[in-house]
Amino acid sequence: MIHPIPSGTRDVLPQETGEVRAITDTLRRVFDRHRYGEIYTPALEYEAVLARADMDEARPAYRVFDETGAVLVLRSDMTVPIARVVATRYAESSVPLRFCYFAHTYRGVRPQRGQLREMLQAGVELIGSPAPEGTAEALTVLSAALDAVGLKDFRIGVGDASLFPALMESLNVDEAAREGLLEALVRRDFVELDMRLREAGVAGEAAELLLDVPQRRGGPELLADAPGPAGEAVVGMRRVYELLADDVAERVIFDLGLVRNIGYYTGAVFEVYDPAIGAPIGGGGRYDDLLGRFGRKLPAVGFALFVDSLHQALAGEERGTGVALAGAPAGGSRGSLAVRAADSSDGAR
């Protein structure tokens, strides 16, 4: 007999559980070394609380009612619950505040896309540290965590959530068309982006600029030549890059078209890529306005790693599978996945 489980969920058997535990134990040591305190929040939140953030990408998968009739949802990320905690439990505390977490999150996805509804995330939130220093710290911790678990070929794509909206504003793109343009850019669908620009009546040099800039991707040389409307975002990326240690900076790819459709991002955004897997294994960015929605206005930045995807990337590197990522360092031979993660020196860089 086959007894089904909910779409987008899976059973994790003992061998894989051991390997995942080795990964999370290593990540926990890295976070602890960088002075991030581990936090737990309820799996259930009031829907009205999560509604304070624009969560199109991370919309809740499950809703229930409590005995009073209030609507509860299973959390779809950890950033919003931690923002709530900071506003209520740390209202008078000095900053910066550093939190880390290991938690399951639940997101509404289309089952036919093969995505998980239940995901184990490991991440950090740095509250009260402005750019560029806070952003550089988050990228440093992210790189250290991935190094510690033994991932060899990863790259961190860095962009700015404000760049494309600033371009559209400067070129007087119709406000009604902007959301659709951003949605096309999130999917990296430049054919659709071109089509939507035509539908919005954007043509000539303006259309060329809006199609060209988001396709610019490369090293720090990319930051030397940017159109005027994108200047502020590019200057911000350059300032972050200047603060990074060499071993972190060499992992960074600048991507002027990188946007994320979680609406609370305000500045630098980033995603983690590895050639062994065909989807990002983590991401994050600055959300300098989100804390203010809960009553304590503070700058903030954070990231989350999708532990299942990280596990797959480690296994893929071990098998030597995947598509080469331009500029990625070659990975050497390695031993057992679980042993490698558990024995990684989280102090070595």
Foldseek 3Di string as FASTA:
>chain_A
DDDDDDQQDDDDDDVRVLLLVLLVVLLVVLLVVVPAAEDDDDQKDFPVQVVLWQAPVQAFADWDADPVRTIITGASDCPSVVLLCCVPVVVPPDDFHKHKYWDWHAGDDDSVVVHHRIFTKTKMKTWFDDPPVQVLVQLVSVVLSLVQLPQAFKAKEKEWQVQLVLLCVVVVQPPVLVVVLLVCLQVVNLVVNLVSCVVSVNDDPSSVLSSPQQADKAALVSLVDDDPSNVVQSVRVVRNLVPHDPVSRLRYMYGHSDHDPRRQAGTMKMFMDGQLDDDTQKIWHKRQASSVSSPHRHTMIMMMGRSVVSLSRLVSLQVVDGDHDPSTDRDDHDDDSSVSSNPGDSVDD
